[in-house]
PDB file of all heavy atoms in Angstrom:
ATOM      1  N   THR A   1       6.099   5.377   4.886  1.00  0.00           N
ATOM      2  CA  THR A   1       6.609   6.197   5.982  1.00  0.00           C
ATOM      3  C   THR A   1       5.602   7.295   6.337  1.00  0.00           C
ATOM      4  O   THR A   1       4.613   7.507   5.622  1.00  0.00           O
ATOM      5  CB  THR A   1       7.932   6.843   5.601  1.00  0.00           C
ATOM      6  OG1 THR A   1       7.690   7.820   4.579  1.00  0.00           O
ATOM      7  CG2 THR A   1       8.935   5.811   5.096  1.00  0.00           C
ATOM      8  N   SER A   2       5.901   8.002   7.395  1.00  0.00           N
ATOM      9  CA  SER A   2       5.018   9.083   7.829  1.00  0.00           C
ATOM     10  C   SER A   2       4.942  10.213   6.805  1.00  0.00           C
ATOM     11  O   SER A   2       3.938  10.933   6.744  1.00  0.00           O
ATOM     12  CB  SER A   2       5.485   9.643   9.170  1.00  0.00           C
ATOM     13  OG  SER A   2       6.818  10.086   9.080  1.00  0.00           O
ATOM     14  N   SER A   3       5.963  10.335   5.971  1.00  0.00           N
ATOM     15  CA  SER A   3       5.963  11.371   4.930  1.00  0.00           C
ATOM     16  C   SER A   3       5.361  10.878   3.627  1.00  0.00           C
ATOM     17  O   SER A   3       5.247  11.660   2.675  1.00  0.00           O
ATOM     18  CB  SER A   3       7.387  11.858   4.679  1.00  0.00           C
ATOM     19  OG  SER A   3       8.208  10.806   4.236  1.00  0.00           O
ATOM     20  N   GLY A   4       4.998   9.613   3.570  1.00  0.00           N
ATOM     21  CA  GLY A   4       4.332   9.084   2.392  1.00  0.00           C
ATOM     22  C   GLY A   4       5.204   8.304   1.430  1.00  0.00           C
ATOM     23  O   GLY A   4       4.731   7.841   0.392  1.00  0.00           O
ATOM     24  N   SER A   5       6.470   8.122   1.743  1.00  0.00           N
ATOM     25  CA  SER A   5       7.326   7.309   0.888  1.00  0.00           C
ATOM     26  C   SER A   5       6.935   5.848   1.015  1.00  0.00           C
ATOM     27  O   SER A   5       6.675   5.365   2.126  1.00  0.00           O
ATOM     28  CB  SER A   5       8.792   7.485   1.281  1.00  0.00           C
ATOM     29  OG  SER A   5       9.208   8.810   1.071  1.00  0.00           O
ATOM     30  N   THR A   6       6.910   5.174  -0.124  1.00  0.00           N
ATOM     31  CA  THR A   6       6.447   3.784  -0.132  1.00  0.00           C
ATOM     32  C   THR A   6       7.508   2.850  -0.697  1.00  0.00           C
ATOM     33  O   THR A   6       8.387   3.262  -1.453  1.00  0.00           O
ATOM     34  CB  THR A   6       5.170   3.633  -0.975  1.00  0.00           C
ATOM     35  OG1 THR A   6       5.444   4.084  -2.314  1.00  0.00           O
ATOM     36  CG2 THR A   6       4.028   4.432  -0.402  1.00  0.00           C
ATOM     37  N   ASN A   7       7.415   1.596  -0.306  1.00  0.00           N
ATOM     38  CA  ASN A   7       8.185   0.543  -0.943  1.00  0.00           C
ATOM     39  C   ASN A   7       7.317  -0.689  -1.060  1.00  0.00           C
ATOM     40  O   ASN A   7       6.449  -0.927  -0.210  1.00  0.00           O
ATOM     41  CB  ASN A   7       9.487   0.248  -0.189  1.00  0.00           C
ATOM     42  CG  ASN A   7       9.260  -0.423   1.145  1.00  0.00           C
ATOM     43  OD1 ASN A   7       8.652   0.162   2.031  1.00  0.00           O
ATOM     44  ND2 ASN A   7       9.720  -1.661   1.285  1.00  0.00           N
ATOM     45  N   TYR A   8       7.554  -1.435  -2.094  1.00  0.00           N
ATOM     46  CA  TYR A   8       6.751  -2.603  -2.400  1.00  0.00           C
ATOM     47  C   TYR A   8       7.643  -3.797  -2.750  1.00  0.00           C
ATOM     48  O   TYR A   8       8.748  -3.629  -3.272  1.00  0.00           O
ATOM     49  CB  TYR A   8       5.853  -2.345  -3.616  1.00  0.00           C
ATOM     50  CG  TYR A   8       4.786  -1.311  -3.415  1.00  0.00           C
ATOM     51  CD1 TYR A   8       5.028   0.027  -3.693  1.00  0.00           C
ATOM     52  CD2 TYR A   8       3.519  -1.669  -2.961  1.00  0.00           C
ATOM     53  CE1 TYR A   8       4.044   0.986  -3.508  1.00  0.00           C
ATOM     54  CE2 TYR A   8       2.526  -0.727  -2.787  1.00  0.00           C
ATOM     55  CZ  TYR A   8       2.793   0.603  -3.056  1.00  0.00           C
ATOM     56  OH  TYR A   8       1.806   1.549  -2.886  1.00  0.00           O
ATOM     57  N   ALA A   9       7.098  -4.972  -2.534  1.00  0.00           N
ATOM     58  CA  ALA A   9       7.716  -6.157  -3.108  1.00  0.00           C
ATOM     59  C   ALA A   9       7.644  -6.003  -4.620  1.00  0.00           C
ATOM     60  O   ALA A   9       6.597  -5.604  -5.161  1.00  0.00           O
ATOM     61  CB  ALA A   9       6.971  -7.406  -2.661  1.00  0.00           C
ATOM     62  N   ASP A  10       8.736  -6.295  -5.295  1.00  0.00           N
ATOM     63  CA  ASP A  10       8.795  -6.082  -6.747  1.00  0.00           C
ATOM     64  C   ASP A  10       7.652  -6.791  -7.475  1.00  0.00           C
ATOM     65  O   ASP A  10       7.090  -6.262  -8.439  1.00  0.00           O
ATOM     66  CB  ASP A  10      10.139  -6.572  -7.287  1.00  0.00           C
ATOM     67  CG  ASP A  10      11.283  -5.652  -6.908  1.00  0.00           C
ATOM     68  OD1 ASP A  10      11.010  -4.487  -6.547  1.00  0.00           O
ATOM     69  OD2 ASP A  10      12.448  -6.090  -6.974  1.00  0.00           O
ATOM     70  N   SER A  11       7.312  -7.972  -7.010  1.00  0.00           N
ATOM     71  CA  SER A  11       6.305  -8.777  -7.711  1.00  0.00           C
ATOM     72  C   SER A  11       4.898  -8.210  -7.573  1.00  0.00           C
ATOM     73  O   SER A  11       3.987  -8.622  -8.292  1.00  0.00           O
ATOM     74  CB  SER A  11       6.328 -10.208  -7.174  1.00  0.00           C
ATOM     75  OG  SER A  11       6.002 -10.217  -5.791  1.00  0.00           O
ATOM     76  N   LEU A  12       4.712  -7.258  -6.647  1.00  0.00           N
ATOM     77  CA  LEU A  12       3.376  -6.740  -6.382  1.00  0.00           C
ATOM     78  C   LEU A  12       3.163  -5.322  -6.908  1.00  0.00           C
ATOM     79  O   LEU A  12       2.039  -4.811  -6.866  1.00  0.00           O
ATOM     80  CB  LEU A  12       3.100  -6.764  -4.875  1.00  0.00           C
ATOM     81  CG  LEU A  12       3.198  -8.131  -4.225  1.00  0.00           C
ATOM     82  CD1 LEU A  12       2.963  -8.020  -2.720  1.00  0.00           C
ATOM     83  CD2 LEU A  12       2.212  -9.110  -4.840  1.00  0.00           C
ATOM     84  N   LYS A  13       4.228  -4.709  -7.368  1.00  0.00           N
ATOM     85  CA  LYS A  13       4.099  -3.344  -7.884  1.00  0.00           C
ATOM     86  C   LYS A  13       3.084  -3.295  -9.025  1.00  0.00           C
ATOM     87  O   LYS A  13       3.096  -4.140  -9.905  1.00  0.00           O
ATOM     88  CB  LYS A  13       5.457  -2.837  -8.368  1.00  0.00           C
ATOM     89  CG  LYS A  13       6.441  -2.555  -7.259  1.00  0.00           C
ATOM     90  CD  LYS A  13       7.774  -2.076  -7.823  1.00  0.00           C
ATOM     91  CE  LYS A  13       8.762  -1.804  -6.695  1.00  0.00           C
ATOM     92  NZ  LYS A  13      10.092  -1.383  -7.213  1.00  0.00           N
ATOM     93  N   GLY A  14       2.220  -2.289  -8.962  1.00  0.00           N
ATOM     94  CA  GLY A  14       1.218  -2.132 -10.007  1.00  0.00           C
ATOM     95  C   GLY A  14      -0.116  -2.753  -9.669  1.00  0.00           C
ATOM     96  O   GLY A  14      -1.146  -2.370 -10.228  1.00  0.00           O
ATOM     97  N   ARG A  15      -0.127  -3.716  -8.742  1.00  0.00           N
ATOM     98  CA  ARG A  15      -1.387  -4.343  -8.361  1.00  0.00           C
ATOM     99  C   ARG A  15      -1.825  -3.926  -6.947  1.00  0.00           C
ATOM    100  O   ARG A  15      -3.017  -3.823  -6.674  1.00  0.00           O
ATOM    101  CB  ARG A  15      -1.281  -5.864  -8.408  1.00  0.00           C
ATOM    102  CG  ARG A  15      -1.089  -6.429  -9.793  1.00  0.00           C
ATOM    103  CD  ARG A  15      -1.379  -7.926  -9.805  1.00  0.00           C
ATOM    104  NE  ARG A  15      -0.473  -8.680  -8.953  1.00  0.00           N
ATOM    105  CZ  ARG A  15      -0.868  -9.468  -7.959  1.00  0.00           C
ATOM    106  NH1 ARG A  15      -2.162  -9.581  -7.668  1.00  0.00           N
ATOM    107  NH2 ARG A  15       0.029 -10.146  -7.252  1.00  0.00           N
ATOM    108  N   PHE A  16      -0.856  -3.727  -6.076  1.00  0.00           N
ATOM    109  CA  PHE A  16      -1.146  -3.378  -4.687  1.00  0.00           C
ATOM    110  C   PHE A  16      -0.750  -1.928  -4.433  1.00  0.00           C
ATOM    111  O   PHE A  16       0.264  -1.457  -4.948  1.00  0.00           O
ATOM    112  CB  PHE A  16      -0.375  -4.280  -3.733  1.00  0.00           C
ATOM    113  CG  PHE A  16      -0.867  -5.703  -3.662  1.00  0.00           C
ATOM    114  CD1 PHE A  16      -1.715  -6.241  -4.613  1.00  0.00           C
ATOM    115  CD2 PHE A  16      -0.471  -6.512  -2.611  1.00  0.00           C
ATOM    116  CE1 PHE A  16      -2.156  -7.538  -4.542  1.00  0.00           C
ATOM    117  CE2 PHE A  16      -0.912  -7.824  -2.514  1.00  0.00           C
ATOM    118  CZ  PHE A  16      -1.747  -8.336  -3.474  1.00  0.00           C
ATOM    119  N   THR A  17      -1.545  -1.260  -3.611  1.00  0.00           N
ATOM    120  CA  THR A  17      -1.249   0.115  -3.233  1.00  0.00           C
ATOM    121  C   THR A  17      -1.410   0.285  -1.727  1.00  0.00           C
ATOM    122  O   THR A  17      -2.469  -0.030  -1.172  1.00  0.00           O
ATOM    123  CB  THR A  17      -2.185   1.107  -3.943  1.00  0.00           C
ATOM    124  OG1 THR A  17      -2.070   0.947  -5.358  1.00  0.00           O
ATOM    125  CG2 THR A  17      -1.827   2.539  -3.575  1.00  0.00           C
ATOM    126  N   VAL A  18      -0.355   0.775  -1.099  1.00  0.00           N
ATOM    127  CA  VAL A  18      -0.397   1.039   0.342  1.00  0.00           C
ATOM    128  C   VAL A  18      -0.618   2.524   0.561  1.00  0.00           C
ATOM    129  O   VAL A  18      -0.101   3.367  -0.186  1.00  0.00           O
ATOM    130  CB  VAL A  18       0.897   0.564   1.034  1.00  0.00           C
ATOM    131  CG1 VAL A  18       2.108   1.353   0.563  1.00  0.00           C
ATOM    132  CG2 VAL A  18       0.760   0.615   2.550  1.00  0.00           C
ATOM    133  N   SER A  19      -1.420   2.859   1.557  1.00  0.00           N
ATOM    134  CA  SER A  19      -1.665   4.251   1.908  1.00  0.00           C
ATOM    135  C   SER A  19      -1.909   4.330   3.416  1.00  0.00           C
ATOM    136  O   SER A  19      -2.075   3.295   4.079  1.00  0.00           O
ATOM    137  CB  SER A  19      -2.865   4.811   1.139  1.00  0.00           C
ATOM    138  OG  SER A  19      -4.041   4.076   1.446  1.00  0.00           O
ATOM    139  N   ARG A  20      -1.910   5.536   3.939  1.00  0.00           N
ATOM    140  CA  ARG A  20      -2.135   5.687   5.370  1.00  0.00           C
ATOM    141  C   ARG A  20      -2.851   6.992   5.662  1.00  0.00           C
ATOM    142  O   ARG A  20      -2.755   7.949   4.896  1.00  0.00           O
ATOM    143  CB  ARG A  20      -0.824   5.608   6.156  1.00  0.00           C
ATOM    144  CG  ARG A  20       0.171   6.682   5.843  1.00  0.00           C
ATOM    145  CD  ARG A  20       1.522   6.420   6.510  1.00  0.00           C
ATOM    146  NE  ARG A  20       1.544   6.808   7.911  1.00  0.00           N
ATOM    147  CZ  ARG A  20       2.570   6.596   8.725  1.00  0.00           C
ATOM    148  NH1 ARG A  20       3.653   5.964   8.275  1.00  0.00           N
ATOM    149  NH2 ARG A  20       2.528   7.000   9.995  1.00  0.00           N
ATOM    150  N   ASP A  21      -3.532   6.987   6.778  1.00  0.00           N
ATOM    151  CA  ASP A  21      -4.181   8.194   7.285  1.00  0.00           C
ATOM    152  C   ASP A  21      -3.539   8.483   8.635  1.00  0.00           C
ATOM    153  O   ASP A  21      -3.831   7.799   9.627  1.00  0.00           O
ATOM    154  CB  ASP A  21      -5.686   7.956   7.424  1.00  0.00           C
ATOM    155  CG  ASP A  21      -6.454   9.189   7.854  1.00  0.00           C
ATOM    156  OD1 ASP A  21      -5.862  10.046   8.561  1.00  0.00           O
ATOM    157  OD2 ASP A  21      -7.632   9.291   7.525  1.00  0.00           O
ATOM    158  N   ASN A  22      -2.649   9.457   8.670  1.00  0.00           N
ATOM    159  CA  ASN A  22      -1.917   9.736   9.895  1.00  0.00           C
ATOM    160  C   ASN A  22      -2.827  10.202  11.025  1.00  0.00           C
ATOM    161  O   ASN A  22      -2.569   9.913  12.195  1.00  0.00           O
ATOM    162  CB  ASN A  22      -0.831  10.769   9.638  1.00  0.00           C
ATOM    163  CG  ASN A  22       0.299  10.223   8.780  1.00  0.00           C
ATOM    164  OD1 ASN A  22       0.589   9.022   8.825  1.00  0.00           O
ATOM    165  ND2 ASN A  22       0.921  11.074   7.991  1.00  0.00           N
ATOM    166  N   ALA A  23      -3.886  10.904  10.684  1.00  0.00           N
ATOM    167  CA  ALA A  23      -4.806  11.395  11.711  1.00  0.00           C
ATOM    168  C   ALA A  23      -5.540  10.244  12.403  1.00  0.00           C
ATOM    169  O   ALA A  23      -5.903  10.341  13.574  1.00  0.00           O
ATOM    170  CB  ALA A  23      -5.808  12.357  11.103  1.00  0.00           C
ATOM    171  N   LYS A  24      -5.730   9.162  11.666  1.00  0.00           N
ATOM    172  CA  LYS A  24      -6.440   7.993  12.205  1.00  0.00           C
ATOM    173  C   LYS A  24      -5.494   6.865  12.595  1.00  0.00           C
ATOM    174  O   LYS A  24      -5.944   5.815  13.049  1.00  0.00           O
ATOM    175  CB  LYS A  24      -7.453   7.482  11.186  1.00  0.00           C
ATOM    176  CG  LYS A  24      -8.568   8.456  10.851  1.00  0.00           C
ATOM    177  CD  LYS A  24      -9.540   7.859   9.849  1.00  0.00           C
ATOM    178  CE  LYS A  24     -10.672   8.812   9.532  1.00  0.00           C
ATOM    179  NZ  LYS A  24     -11.616   8.240   8.532  1.00  0.00           N
ATOM    180  N   ASN A  25      -4.196   7.068  12.391  1.00  0.00           N
ATOM    181  CA  ASN A  25      -3.209   6.002  12.657  1.00  0.00           C
ATOM    182  C   ASN A  25      -3.621   4.697  11.989  1.00  0.00           C
ATOM    183  O   ASN A  25      -3.576   3.619  12.593  1.00  0.00           O
ATOM    184  CB  ASN A  25      -3.033   5.801  14.164  1.00  0.00           C
ATOM    185  CG  ASN A  25      -2.354   6.977  14.821  1.00  0.00           C
ATOM    186  OD1 ASN A  25      -1.400   7.547  14.288  1.00  0.00           O
ATOM    187  ND2 ASN A  25      -2.834   7.364  15.989  1.00  0.00           N
ATOM    188  N   THR A  26      -4.011   4.815  10.749  1.00  0.00           N
ATOM    189  CA  THR A  26      -4.523   3.675  10.003  1.00  0.00           C
ATOM    190  C   THR A  26      -3.753   3.512   8.699  1.00  0.00           C
ATOM    191  O   THR A  26      -3.457   4.503   8.026  1.00  0.00           O
ATOM    192  CB  THR A  26      -6.023   3.843   9.715  1.00  0.00           C
ATOM    193  OG1 THR A  26      -6.731   3.931  10.961  1.00  0.00           O
ATOM    194  CG2 THR A  26      -6.564   2.671   8.919  1.00  0.00           C
ATOM    195  N   VAL A  27      -3.454   2.274   8.380  1.00  0.00           N
ATOM    196  CA  VAL A  27      -2.800   1.953   7.119  1.00  0.00           C
ATOM    197  C   VAL A  27      -3.742   1.065   6.312  1.00  0.00           C
ATOM    198  O   VAL A  27      -4.475   0.255   6.875  1.00  0.00           O
ATOM    199  CB  VAL A  27      -1.431   1.267   7.347  1.00  0.00           C
ATOM    200  CG1 VAL A  27      -1.575  -0.061   8.093  1.00  0.00           C
ATOM    201  CG2 VAL A  27      -0.679   1.084   6.047  1.00  0.00           C
ATOM    202  N   TYR A  28      -3.690   1.248   5.002  1.00  0.00           N
ATOM    203  CA  TYR A  28      -4.571   0.517   4.094  1.00  0.00           C
ATOM    204  C   TYR A  28      -3.735  -0.233   3.065  1.00  0.00           C
ATOM    205  O   TYR A  28      -2.611   0.167   2.736  1.00  0.00           O
ATOM    206  CB  TYR A  28      -5.509   1.481   3.368  1.00  0.00           C
ATOM    207  CG  TYR A  28      -6.316   2.358   4.284  1.00  0.00           C
ATOM    208  CD1 TYR A  28      -5.882   3.649   4.589  1.00  0.00           C
ATOM    209  CD2 TYR A  28      -7.499   1.916   4.858  1.00  0.00           C
ATOM    210  CE1 TYR A  28      -6.608   4.470   5.443  1.00  0.00           C
ATOM    211  CE2 TYR A  28      -8.238   2.739   5.711  1.00  0.00           C
ATOM    212  CZ  TYR A  28      -7.784   4.003   5.990  1.00  0.00           C
ATOM    213  OH  TYR A  28      -8.502   4.818   6.835  1.00  0.00           O
ATOM    214  N   LEU A  29      -4.316  -1.286   2.534  1.00  0.00           N
ATOM    215  CA  LEU A  29      -3.701  -2.000   1.424  1.00  0.00           C
ATOM    216  C   LEU A  29      -4.796  -2.298   0.412  1.00  0.00           C
ATOM    217  O   LEU A  29      -5.680  -3.109   0.682  1.00  0.00           O
ATOM    218  CB  LEU A  29      -3.028  -3.292   1.885  1.00  0.00           C
ATOM    219  CG  LEU A  29      -2.290  -4.043   0.794  1.00  0.00           C
ATOM    220  CD1 LEU A  29      -1.058  -3.245   0.343  1.00  0.00           C
ATOM    221  CD2 LEU A  29      -1.850  -5.429   1.269  1.00  0.00           C
ATOM    222  N   GLN A  30      -4.725  -1.616  -0.713  1.00  0.00           N
ATOM    223  CA  GLN A  30      -5.656  -1.877  -1.802  1.00  0.00           C
ATOM    224  C   GLN A  30      -5.031  -2.925  -2.703  1.00  0.00           C
ATOM    225  O   GLN A  30      -3.933  -2.728  -3.227  1.00  0.00           O
ATOM    226  CB  GLN A  30      -5.930  -0.594  -2.591  1.00  0.00           C
ATOM    227  CG  GLN A  30      -6.850  -0.784  -3.773  1.00  0.00           C
ATOM    228  CD  GLN A  30      -8.269  -1.152  -3.367  1.00  0.00           C
ATOM    229  OE1 GLN A  30      -8.816  -0.572  -2.435  1.00  0.00           O
ATOM    230  NE2 GLN A  30      -8.867  -2.106  -4.059  1.00  0.00           N
ATOM    231  N   MET A  31      -5.737  -4.025  -2.867  1.00  0.00           N
ATOM    232  CA  MET A  31      -5.220  -5.143  -3.661  1.00  0.00           C
ATOM    233  C   MET A  31      -6.139  -5.354  -4.856  1.00  0.00           C
ATOM    234  O   MET A  31      -7.330  -5.649  -4.686  1.00  0.00           O
ATOM    235  CB  MET A  31      -5.164  -6.410  -2.807  1.00  0.00           C
ATOM    236  CG  MET A  31      -4.346  -6.233  -1.535  1.00  0.00           C
ATOM    237  SD  MET A  31      -4.168  -7.765  -0.598  1.00  0.00           S
ATOM    238  CE  MET A  31      -5.869  -8.020  -0.054  1.00  0.00           C
ATOM    239  N   ASN A  32      -5.582  -5.184  -6.036  1.00  0.00           N
ATOM    240  CA  ASN A  32      -6.348  -5.347  -7.276  1.00  0.00           C
ATOM    241  C   ASN A  32      -5.799  -6.506  -8.093  1.00  0.00           C
ATOM    242  O   ASN A  32      -4.671  -6.951  -7.887  1.00  0.00           O
ATOM    243  CB  ASN A  32      -6.285  -4.062  -8.094  1.00  0.00           C
ATOM    244  CG  ASN A  32      -6.903  -2.877  -7.388  1.00  0.00           C
ATOM    245  OD1 ASN A  32      -7.852  -3.010  -6.619  1.00  0.00           O
ATOM    246  ND2 ASN A  32      -6.352  -1.694  -7.636  1.00  0.00           N
ATOM    247  N   SER A  33      -6.599  -6.961  -9.036  1.00  0.00           N
ATOM    248  CA  SER A  33      -6.192  -8.055  -9.932  1.00  0.00           C
ATOM    249  C   SER A  33      -5.612  -9.209  -9.137  1.00  0.00           C
ATOM    250  O   SER A  33      -4.526  -9.726  -9.460  1.00  0.00           O
ATOM    251  CB  SER A  33      -5.176  -7.539 -10.959  1.00  0.00           C
ATOM    252  OG  SER A  33      -5.716  -6.471 -11.708  1.00  0.00           O
ATOM    253  N   LEU A  34      -6.316  -9.603  -8.117  1.00  0.00           N
ATOM    254  CA  LEU A  34      -5.803 -10.632  -7.220  1.00  0.00           C
ATOM    255  C   LEU A  34      -5.621 -11.960  -7.935  1.00  0.00           C
ATOM    256  O   LEU A  34      -6.406 -12.321  -8.824  1.00  0.00           O
ATOM    257  CB  LEU A  34      -6.725 -10.789  -6.022  1.00  0.00           C
ATOM    258  CG  LEU A  34      -6.570  -9.695  -4.959  1.00  0.00           C
ATOM    259  CD1 LEU A  34      -7.770  -9.633  -4.046  1.00  0.00           C
ATOM    260  CD2 LEU A  34      -5.297  -9.920  -4.159  1.00  0.00           C
ATOM    261  N   LYS A  35      -4.575 -12.666  -7.524  1.00  0.00           N
ATOM    262  CA  LYS A  35      -4.237 -13.961  -8.088  1.00  0.00           C
ATOM    263  C   LYS A  35      -4.339 -15.028  -6.998  1.00  0.00           C
ATOM    264  O   LYS A  35      -4.239 -14.716  -5.797  1.00  0.00           O
ATOM    265  CB  LYS A  35      -2.821 -13.933  -8.656  1.00  0.00           C
ATOM    266  CG  LYS A  35      -2.592 -12.852  -9.697  1.00  0.00           C
ATOM    267  CD  LYS A  35      -1.134 -12.838 -10.149  1.00  0.00           C
ATOM    268  CE  LYS A  35      -0.886 -11.743 -11.179  1.00  0.00           C
ATOM    269  NZ  LYS A  35       0.526 -11.716 -11.626  1.00  0.00           N
ATOM    270  N   VAL A  36      -4.483 -16.263  -7.424  1.00  0.00           N
ATOM    271  CA  VAL A  36      -4.558 -17.355  -6.457  1.00  0.00           C
ATOM    272  C   VAL A  36      -3.344 -17.352  -5.543  1.00  0.00           C
ATOM    273  O   VAL A  36      -3.444 -17.617  -4.341  1.00  0.00           O
ATOM    274  CB  VAL A  36      -4.704 -18.702  -7.195  1.00  0.00           C
ATOM    275  CG1 VAL A  36      -4.583 -19.862  -6.214  1.00  0.00           C
ATOM    276  CG2 VAL A  36      -6.018 -18.764  -7.950  1.00  0.00           C
TER     277      VAL A  36
END
């Protein structure tokens, strides 16, 4: 959300991180320990 509250698919918690830059209207998804 615009205030920074996040929600994730349960299966992805701990590996994926969502963030945003409100000034740039940009959202990011950092994906670690990727699986097939």
